[in-house]
Amino acid sequence: MSEHTAQRTYRVPMVERTGMRRLEERRGHSKLLMPLEGNANHVDVMYLGAFCILAEAAAAGPGISILDTARFFPIVKDIAVDFHRMAASDVTGEFTLTEEQIGRLLADLERKGSAGYLAEVPMHDDGGMLVATGRVTIKLLSHSWSGARTVN
């Protein structure tokens, strides 16, 4: 993607209402924080839905960072969150694509109009304890991709 290509910002109001914040963001990398405040359940620990949002956003961010969004868009194909222990604090999630993975994704996008990756997103409480792991399949698709109506 050239420096002069305008990068589209994806906004999801429901995600914004969580108060999630970006801690680190660069090409192929995203580290996010989901605050406990506003995302706690009835026993004052992180609500499972907040883990899902954190995993999705941490997984998609690195893919979005490499896209020419005038030509391509991301979509989540599936998501699963393995819950390991309760989190009574803010939670961070982080995912990175290697340069080798980025090269393959961009080559597939140019050749086929679609590409995909599986992101494993570890999520830690503020003490560094692993509290959940997200597994998210991200598809990157061309706006002109012939199968855009049915993501396989």
N, C-alpha and C. Protein backbone atom coordinates (compact mmCIF):
# COMPACT_ATOMS: atom_id res chain seq x y z
N MET A 1 0.85 -1.17 0.00
CA MET A 1 0.00 0.00 0.00
C MET A 1 0.89 1.23 0.00
N SER A 2 0.60 2.18 -0.85
CA SER A 2 1.43 3.38 -0.93
C SER A 2 1.13 4.31 0.23
N GLU A 3 2.08 5.20 0.51
CA GLU A 3 1.89 6.16 1.59
C GLU A 3 0.73 7.11 1.29
N HIS A 4 0.40 7.26 0.02
CA HIS A 4 -0.61 8.24 -0.38
C HIS A 4 -2.01 7.65 -0.45
N THR A 5 -2.15 6.35 -0.26
CA THR A 5 -3.45 5.71 -0.28
C THR A 5 -4.17 6.02 1.02
N ALA A 6 -5.39 6.52 0.90
CA ALA A 6 -6.16 6.83 2.10
C ALA A 6 -6.58 5.53 2.78
N GLN A 7 -6.30 5.41 4.07
CA GLN A 7 -6.65 4.22 4.83
C GLN A 7 -8.02 4.44 5.45
N ARG A 8 -8.94 3.57 5.11
CA ARG A 8 -10.29 3.64 5.67
C ARG A 8 -10.24 3.26 7.14
N THR A 9 -11.02 3.97 7.94
CA THR A 9 -11.17 3.63 9.35
C THR A 9 -12.47 2.88 9.50
N TYR A 10 -12.40 1.71 10.11
CA TYR A 10 -13.61 0.92 10.33
C TYR A 10 -14.15 1.26 11.71
N ARG A 11 -15.43 1.62 11.75
CA ARG A 11 -16.07 1.98 13.02
C ARG A 11 -17.22 1.01 13.27
N VAL A 12 -17.28 0.52 14.49
CA VAL A 12 -18.39 -0.32 14.92
C VAL A 12 -18.87 0.27 16.25
N PRO A 13 -20.02 0.97 16.23
CA PRO A 13 -20.48 1.64 17.45
C PRO A 13 -20.56 0.73 18.67
N MET A 14 -20.98 -0.52 18.51
CA MET A 14 -21.04 -1.41 19.66
C MET A 14 -19.66 -1.61 20.28
N VAL A 15 -18.64 -1.76 19.44
CA VAL A 15 -17.28 -1.93 19.93
C VAL A 15 -16.82 -0.66 20.64
N GLU A 16 -17.14 0.47 20.07
CA GLU A 16 -16.75 1.75 20.68
C GLU A 16 -17.36 1.91 22.07
N ARG A 17 -18.58 1.41 22.27
CA ARG A 17 -19.23 1.53 23.57
C ARG A 17 -18.52 0.74 24.67
N THR A 18 -17.68 -0.22 24.31
CA THR A 18 -16.96 -1.00 25.32
C THR A 18 -15.84 -0.19 25.98
N GLY A 19 -15.39 0.87 25.31
CA GLY A 19 -14.27 1.65 25.83
C GLY A 19 -12.91 1.02 25.53
N MET A 20 -12.90 0.00 24.67
CA MET A 20 -11.64 -0.65 24.30
C MET A 20 -10.67 0.38 23.73
N ARG A 21 -9.38 0.22 24.07
CA ARG A 21 -8.36 1.17 23.62
C ARG A 21 -7.22 0.45 22.92
N ARG A 22 -6.63 1.13 21.95
CA ARG A 22 -5.45 0.62 21.26
C ARG A 22 -4.21 1.03 22.07
N LEU A 23 -3.42 0.04 22.45
CA LEU A 23 -2.17 0.32 23.17
C LEU A 23 -0.99 0.40 22.22
N GLU A 24 -0.96 -0.50 21.23
CA GLU A 24 0.10 -0.52 20.23
C GLU A 24 -0.53 -0.86 18.89
N GLU A 25 -0.09 -0.14 17.86
CA GLU A 25 -0.59 -0.43 16.53
C GLU A 25 0.49 -0.07 15.52
N ARG A 26 0.84 -1.06 14.71
CA ARG A 26 1.80 -0.84 13.63
C ARG A 26 1.52 -1.88 12.55
N ARG A 27 2.25 -1.82 11.47
CA ARG A 27 2.04 -2.76 10.36
C ARG A 27 2.08 -4.19 10.89
N GLY A 28 0.97 -4.90 10.72
CA GLY A 28 0.90 -6.30 11.09
C GLY A 28 0.77 -6.57 12.58
N HIS A 29 0.53 -5.57 13.40
CA HIS A 29 0.50 -5.77 14.85
C HIS A 29 -0.59 -4.93 15.51
N SER A 30 -1.22 -5.52 16.52
CA SER A 30 -2.22 -4.80 17.30
C SER A 30 -2.21 -5.31 18.73
N LYS A 31 -2.18 -4.41 19.68
CA LYS A 31 -2.33 -4.73 21.11
C LYS A 31 -3.40 -3.80 21.65
N LEU A 32 -4.45 -4.40 22.22
CA LEU A 32 -5.62 -3.65 22.66
C LEU A 32 -5.90 -3.91 24.14
N LEU A 33 -6.60 -2.98 24.77
CA LEU A 33 -7.00 -3.14 26.16
C LEU A 33 -8.51 -3.02 26.27
N MET A 34 -9.12 -4.00 26.90
CA MET A 34 -10.55 -3.97 27.20
C MET A 34 -10.68 -3.63 28.68
N PRO A 35 -11.31 -2.48 29.00
CA PRO A 35 -11.45 -2.13 30.41
C PRO A 35 -12.52 -2.98 31.09
N LEU A 36 -12.29 -3.29 32.36
CA LEU A 36 -13.30 -4.01 33.13
C LEU A 36 -14.52 -3.13 33.34
N GLU A 37 -14.27 -1.84 33.61
CA GLU A 37 -15.38 -0.92 33.86
C GLU A 37 -16.28 -0.84 32.63
N GLY A 38 -17.54 -1.13 32.83
CA GLY A 38 -18.51 -1.13 31.73
C GLY A 38 -18.63 -2.47 31.03
N ASN A 39 -17.73 -3.41 31.34
CA ASN A 39 -17.73 -4.71 30.68
C ASN A 39 -17.74 -5.87 31.68
N ALA A 40 -18.13 -5.57 32.91
CA ALA A 40 -18.21 -6.61 33.94
C ALA A 40 -19.59 -7.25 33.91
N ASN A 41 -19.62 -8.51 34.31
CA ASN A 41 -20.91 -9.21 34.40
C ASN A 41 -21.51 -9.05 35.80
N HIS A 42 -22.47 -9.86 36.13
CA HIS A 42 -23.18 -9.76 37.40
C HIS A 42 -22.35 -10.16 38.62
N VAL A 43 -21.17 -10.75 38.43
CA VAL A 43 -20.29 -11.08 39.56
C VAL A 43 -18.99 -10.28 39.48
N ASP A 44 -19.02 -9.17 38.75
CA ASP A 44 -17.91 -8.21 38.66
C ASP A 44 -16.62 -8.76 38.08
N VAL A 45 -16.74 -9.67 37.11
CA VAL A 45 -15.60 -10.12 36.31
C VAL A 45 -15.93 -9.83 34.85
N MET A 46 -14.91 -9.89 34.01
CA MET A 46 -15.10 -9.56 32.59
C MET A 46 -16.16 -10.45 31.96
N TYR A 47 -17.11 -9.82 31.29
CA TYR A 47 -18.18 -10.49 30.56
C TYR A 47 -17.59 -11.21 29.35
N LEU A 48 -18.03 -12.44 29.09
CA LEU A 48 -17.46 -13.22 27.98
C LEU A 48 -17.59 -12.48 26.64
N GLY A 49 -18.67 -11.76 26.42
CA GLY A 49 -18.83 -11.01 25.18
C GLY A 49 -17.72 -9.99 24.96
N ALA A 50 -17.20 -9.43 26.05
CA ALA A 50 -16.09 -8.47 25.94
C ALA A 50 -14.82 -9.17 25.46
N PHE A 51 -14.61 -10.42 25.91
CA PHE A 51 -13.46 -11.19 25.42
C PHE A 51 -13.59 -11.42 23.91
N CYS A 52 -14.80 -11.71 23.45
CA CYS A 52 -15.02 -11.95 22.02
C CYS A 52 -14.69 -10.70 21.20
N ILE A 53 -15.15 -9.56 21.66
CA ILE A 53 -14.88 -8.31 20.96
C ILE A 53 -13.38 -8.02 20.94
N LEU A 54 -12.72 -8.22 22.09
CA LEU A 54 -11.27 -7.99 22.17
C LEU A 54 -10.52 -8.92 21.21
N ALA A 55 -10.87 -10.19 21.20
CA ALA A 55 -10.20 -11.15 20.30
C ALA A 55 -10.42 -10.76 18.85
N GLU A 56 -11.65 -10.43 18.48
CA GLU A 56 -11.96 -10.05 17.10
C GLU A 56 -11.15 -8.84 16.66
N ALA A 57 -11.14 -7.81 17.48
CA ALA A 57 -10.45 -6.56 17.11
C ALA A 57 -8.93 -6.75 17.06
N ALA A 58 -8.38 -7.49 18.02
CA ALA A 58 -6.93 -7.73 18.03
C ALA A 58 -6.51 -8.57 16.82
N ALA A 59 -7.38 -9.50 16.40
CA ALA A 59 -7.08 -10.35 15.25
C ALA A 59 -7.20 -9.59 13.93
N ALA A 60 -8.20 -8.75 13.81
CA ALA A 60 -8.46 -8.05 12.55
C ALA A 60 -7.50 -6.88 12.32
N GLY A 61 -7.08 -6.21 13.38
CA GLY A 61 -6.23 -5.03 13.24
C GLY A 61 -4.99 -5.23 12.39
N PRO A 62 -4.22 -6.29 12.62
CA PRO A 62 -3.02 -6.50 11.80
C PRO A 62 -3.34 -6.68 10.31
N GLY A 63 -4.43 -7.35 9.98
CA GLY A 63 -4.84 -7.50 8.58
C GLY A 63 -5.25 -6.19 7.97
N ILE A 64 -6.02 -5.42 8.71
CA ILE A 64 -6.46 -4.11 8.22
C ILE A 64 -5.25 -3.22 7.96
N SER A 65 -4.23 -3.33 8.81
CA SER A 65 -3.07 -2.43 8.70
C SER A 65 -2.29 -2.61 7.40
N ILE A 66 -2.46 -3.74 6.72
CA ILE A 66 -1.71 -3.99 5.48
C ILE A 66 -2.55 -3.77 4.23
N LEU A 67 -3.84 -3.47 4.42
CA LEU A 67 -4.75 -3.38 3.27
C LEU A 67 -4.80 -2.01 2.62
N ASP A 68 -4.96 -2.00 1.33
CA ASP A 68 -5.42 -0.83 0.60
C ASP A 68 -6.94 -0.93 0.69
N THR A 69 -7.54 -0.22 1.62
CA THR A 69 -8.97 -0.41 1.90
C THR A 69 -9.88 0.13 0.80
N ALA A 70 -9.32 0.81 -0.17
CA ALA A 70 -10.12 1.19 -1.34
C ALA A 70 -10.36 -0.04 -2.21
N ARG A 71 -9.48 -1.06 -2.08
CA ARG A 71 -9.59 -2.27 -2.90
C ARG A 71 -10.03 -3.51 -2.11
N PHE A 72 -9.72 -3.54 -0.82
CA PHE A 72 -9.95 -4.75 -0.03
C PHE A 72 -10.64 -4.42 1.29
N PHE A 73 -11.28 -5.45 1.87
CA PHE A 73 -11.91 -5.28 3.18
C PHE A 73 -11.75 -6.56 3.99
N PRO A 74 -11.78 -6.42 5.32
CA PRO A 74 -11.68 -7.60 6.19
C PRO A 74 -13.06 -8.05 6.66
N ILE A 75 -13.16 -9.32 7.00
CA ILE A 75 -14.38 -9.82 7.62
C ILE A 75 -13.99 -11.01 8.51
N VAL A 76 -14.72 -11.17 9.60
CA VAL A 76 -14.47 -12.31 10.48
C VAL A 76 -15.28 -13.49 9.97
N LYS A 77 -14.61 -14.60 9.73
CA LYS A 77 -15.29 -15.81 9.27
C LYS A 77 -15.80 -16.61 10.46
N ASP A 78 -14.98 -16.76 11.49
CA ASP A 78 -15.44 -17.43 12.71
C ASP A 78 -14.58 -17.01 13.88
N ILE A 79 -15.11 -17.30 15.06
CA ILE A 79 -14.41 -16.92 16.30
C ILE A 79 -14.77 -17.93 17.38
N ALA A 80 -13.79 -18.23 18.21
CA ALA A 80 -14.00 -19.05 19.40
C ALA A 80 -13.12 -18.48 20.50
N VAL A 81 -13.63 -18.48 21.70
CA VAL A 81 -12.86 -18.02 22.84
C VAL A 81 -12.83 -19.12 23.88
N ASP A 82 -11.61 -19.55 24.22
CA ASP A 82 -11.41 -20.49 25.31
C ASP A 82 -11.18 -19.68 26.58
N PHE A 83 -12.06 -19.86 27.53
CA PHE A 83 -12.00 -19.15 28.79
C PHE A 83 -11.17 -19.98 29.77
N HIS A 84 -10.11 -19.38 30.34
CA HIS A 84 -9.22 -20.11 31.24
C HIS A 84 -9.48 -19.80 32.71
N ARG A 85 -9.74 -18.52 33.00
CA ARG A 85 -10.01 -18.11 34.38
C ARG A 85 -10.68 -16.75 34.37
N MET A 86 -11.35 -16.44 35.46
CA MET A 86 -12.05 -15.15 35.55
C MET A 86 -11.04 -14.00 35.59
N ALA A 87 -11.44 -12.87 35.04
CA ALA A 87 -10.60 -11.67 35.06
C ALA A 87 -11.37 -10.56 35.77
N ALA A 88 -10.84 -10.13 36.90
CA ALA A 88 -11.45 -9.05 37.67
C ALA A 88 -10.66 -7.76 37.47
N SER A 89 -10.13 -7.57 36.26
CA SER A 89 -9.33 -6.39 35.93
C SER A 89 -9.47 -6.12 34.44
N ASP A 90 -8.82 -5.06 33.97
CA ASP A 90 -8.71 -4.82 32.54
C ASP A 90 -7.98 -6.00 31.92
N VAL A 91 -8.22 -6.23 30.61
CA VAL A 91 -7.62 -7.35 29.90
C VAL A 91 -7.00 -6.84 28.60
N THR A 92 -5.82 -7.34 28.27
CA THR A 92 -5.18 -7.00 27.00
C THR A 92 -5.19 -8.21 26.08
N GLY A 93 -5.25 -7.93 24.79
CA GLY A 93 -5.15 -8.94 23.74
C GLY A 93 -4.19 -8.45 22.69
N GLU A 94 -3.40 -9.37 22.12
CA GLU A 94 -2.36 -8.97 21.18
C GLU A 94 -2.21 -10.02 20.10
N PHE A 95 -1.99 -9.54 18.86
CA PHE A 95 -1.72 -10.44 17.75
C PHE A 95 -0.80 -9.76 16.75
N THR A 96 0.11 -10.57 16.17
CA THR A 96 1.06 -10.06 15.18
C THR A 96 1.14 -11.00 13.99
N LEU A 97 1.11 -10.44 12.79
CA LEU A 97 1.41 -11.17 11.56
C LEU A 97 2.89 -10.98 11.26
N THR A 98 3.58 -12.05 10.89
CA THR A 98 4.99 -11.92 10.51
C THR A 98 5.06 -11.31 9.10
N GLU A 99 6.23 -10.81 8.75
CA GLU A 99 6.42 -10.27 7.40
C GLU A 99 6.20 -11.36 6.35
N GLU A 100 6.59 -12.59 6.66
CA GLU A 100 6.36 -13.71 5.74
C GLU A 100 4.85 -13.93 5.53
N GLN A 101 4.09 -13.92 6.62
CA GLN A 101 2.63 -14.07 6.50
C GLN A 101 2.03 -12.91 5.70
N ILE A 102 2.49 -11.70 5.98
CA ILE A 102 1.98 -10.53 5.26
C ILE A 102 2.25 -10.68 3.76
N GLY A 103 3.45 -11.12 3.40
CA GLY A 103 3.78 -11.32 1.99
C GLY A 103 2.85 -12.31 1.31
N ARG A 104 2.58 -13.44 1.99
CA ARG A 104 1.67 -14.45 1.43
C ARG A 104 0.25 -13.89 1.30
N LEU A 105 -0.21 -13.17 2.31
CA LEU A 105 -1.57 -12.61 2.26
C LEU A 105 -1.71 -11.63 1.10
N LEU A 106 -0.75 -10.74 0.96
CA LEU A 106 -0.82 -9.74 -0.12
C LEU A 106 -0.73 -10.41 -1.49
N ALA A 107 0.10 -11.44 -1.62
CA ALA A 107 0.20 -12.16 -2.90
C ALA A 107 -1.12 -12.85 -3.23
N ASP A 108 -1.75 -13.50 -2.23
CA ASP A 108 -3.05 -14.14 -2.46
C ASP A 108 -4.12 -13.12 -2.84
N LEU A 109 -4.11 -11.97 -2.18
CA LEU A 109 -5.09 -10.93 -2.52
C LEU A 109 -4.95 -10.49 -3.97
N GLU A 110 -3.72 -10.29 -4.42
CA GLU A 110 -3.50 -9.87 -5.81
C GLU A 110 -3.87 -10.97 -6.80
N ARG A 111 -3.55 -12.22 -6.45
CA ARG A 111 -3.79 -13.33 -7.36
C ARG A 111 -5.24 -13.79 -7.38
N LYS A 112 -5.86 -13.92 -6.20
CA LYS A 112 -7.20 -14.52 -6.10
C LYS A 112 -8.29 -13.55 -5.68
N GLY A 113 -7.91 -12.41 -5.14
CA GLY A 113 -8.91 -11.48 -4.62
C GLY A 113 -9.37 -11.83 -3.22
N SER A 114 -8.75 -12.86 -2.62
CA SER A 114 -9.09 -13.22 -1.25
C SER A 114 -7.87 -13.84 -0.57
N ALA A 115 -7.85 -13.74 0.73
CA ALA A 115 -6.79 -14.33 1.54
C ALA A 115 -7.36 -14.51 2.94
N GLY A 116 -6.68 -15.29 3.74
CA GLY A 116 -7.18 -15.48 5.10
C GLY A 116 -6.09 -15.94 6.04
N TYR A 117 -6.36 -15.77 7.31
CA TYR A 117 -5.43 -16.24 8.33
C TYR A 117 -6.18 -16.58 9.61
N LEU A 118 -5.58 -17.46 10.37
CA LEU A 118 -6.10 -17.82 11.69
C LEU A 118 -5.25 -17.10 12.72
N ALA A 119 -5.90 -16.31 13.55
CA ALA A 119 -5.21 -15.58 14.61
C ALA A 119 -5.48 -16.23 15.95
N GLU A 120 -4.43 -16.55 16.67
CA GLU A 120 -4.57 -17.00 18.05
C GLU A 120 -4.21 -15.82 18.93
N VAL A 121 -5.18 -15.37 19.71
CA VAL A 121 -5.04 -14.14 20.49
C VAL A 121 -5.04 -14.46 21.98
N PRO A 122 -3.87 -14.45 22.62
CA PRO A 122 -3.84 -14.62 24.07
C PRO A 122 -4.34 -13.34 24.74
N MET A 123 -5.12 -13.53 25.80
CA MET A 123 -5.65 -12.38 26.54
C MET A 123 -5.23 -12.52 28.01
N HIS A 124 -4.65 -11.44 28.54
CA HIS A 124 -4.07 -11.44 29.88
C HIS A 124 -4.73 -10.39 30.77
N ASP A 125 -4.84 -10.72 32.07
CA ASP A 125 -5.34 -9.72 33.02
C ASP A 125 -4.21 -8.75 33.36
N ASP A 126 -4.49 -7.78 34.24
CA ASP A 126 -3.48 -6.76 34.52
C ASP A 126 -2.31 -7.30 35.35
N GLY A 127 -2.40 -8.53 35.83
CA GLY A 127 -1.28 -9.17 36.51
C GLY A 127 -0.45 -10.06 35.59
N GLY A 128 -0.83 -10.11 34.29
CA GLY A 128 -0.10 -10.91 33.32
C GLY A 128 -0.56 -12.36 33.22
N MET A 129 -1.63 -12.71 33.95
CA MET A 129 -2.15 -14.08 33.93
C MET A 129 -2.98 -14.30 32.66
N LEU A 130 -2.74 -15.43 31.97
CA LEU A 130 -3.54 -15.79 30.79
C LEU A 130 -4.96 -16.13 31.26
N VAL A 131 -5.94 -15.35 30.79
CA VAL A 131 -7.33 -15.56 31.22
C VAL A 131 -8.20 -16.13 30.11
N ALA A 132 -7.81 -15.94 28.87
CA ALA A 132 -8.59 -16.47 27.74
C ALA A 132 -7.71 -16.48 26.50
N THR A 133 -8.10 -17.33 25.54
CA THR A 133 -7.42 -17.37 24.24
C THR A 133 -8.48 -17.34 23.16
N GLY A 134 -8.36 -16.39 22.26
CA GLY A 134 -9.28 -16.30 21.13
C GLY A 134 -8.66 -16.92 19.90
N ARG A 135 -9.49 -17.60 19.11
CA ARG A 135 -9.07 -18.13 17.81
C ARG A 135 -10.03 -17.54 16.79
N VAL A 136 -9.49 -16.71 15.92
CA VAL A 136 -10.31 -15.93 15.00
C VAL A 136 -9.82 -16.15 13.58
N THR A 137 -10.73 -16.53 12.68
CA THR A 137 -10.40 -16.65 11.27
C THR A 137 -10.80 -15.35 10.59
N ILE A 138 -9.82 -14.69 10.01
CA ILE A 138 -10.03 -13.42 9.31
C ILE A 138 -9.91 -13.67 7.81
N LYS A 139 -10.87 -13.17 7.05
CA LYS A 139 -10.81 -13.19 5.59
C LYS A 139 -10.56 -11.76 5.12
N LEU A 140 -9.68 -11.63 4.16
CA LEU A 140 -9.41 -10.37 3.49
C LEU A 140 -9.91 -10.55 2.07
N LEU A 141 -10.79 -9.66 1.64
CA LEU A 141 -11.46 -9.83 0.35
C LEU A 141 -11.39 -8.57 -0.50
N SER A 142 -11.36 -8.78 -1.81
CA SER A 142 -11.43 -7.68 -2.76
C SER A 142 -12.87 -7.19 -2.85
N HIS A 143 -13.04 -5.88 -2.98
CA HIS A 143 -14.40 -5.34 -3.18
C HIS A 143 -15.03 -5.92 -4.44
N SER A 144 -14.22 -6.37 -5.40
CA SER A 144 -14.74 -6.95 -6.63
C SER A 144 -14.69 -8.47 -6.64
N TRP A 145 -14.37 -9.09 -5.50
CA TRP A 145 -14.27 -10.54 -5.42
C TRP A 145 -15.61 -11.17 -5.76
N SER A 146 -15.60 -12.16 -6.63
CA SER A 146 -16.85 -12.76 -7.13
C SER A 146 -17.63 -13.50 -6.05
N GLY A 147 -16.97 -13.97 -5.00
CA GLY A 147 -17.67 -14.69 -3.95
C GLY A 147 -17.98 -13.83 -2.74
N ALA A 148 -17.92 -12.52 -2.89
CA ALA A 148 -18.07 -11.62 -1.74
C ALA A 148 -19.41 -11.77 -1.03
N ARG A 149 -20.42 -12.26 -1.69
CA ARG A 149 -21.72 -12.43 -1.05
C ARG A 149 -21.78 -13.67 -0.16
N THR A 150 -20.90 -14.64 -0.44
CA THR A 150 -20.85 -15.86 0.39
C THR A 150 -19.41 -16.10 0.78
N VAL A 151 -19.06 -15.79 2.00
CA VAL A 151 -17.70 -15.94 2.48
C VAL A 151 -17.48 -17.39 2.87
N ASN A 152 -16.58 -18.07 2.16
CA ASN A 152 -16.27 -19.47 2.46
C ASN A 152 -14.89 -19.58 3.05
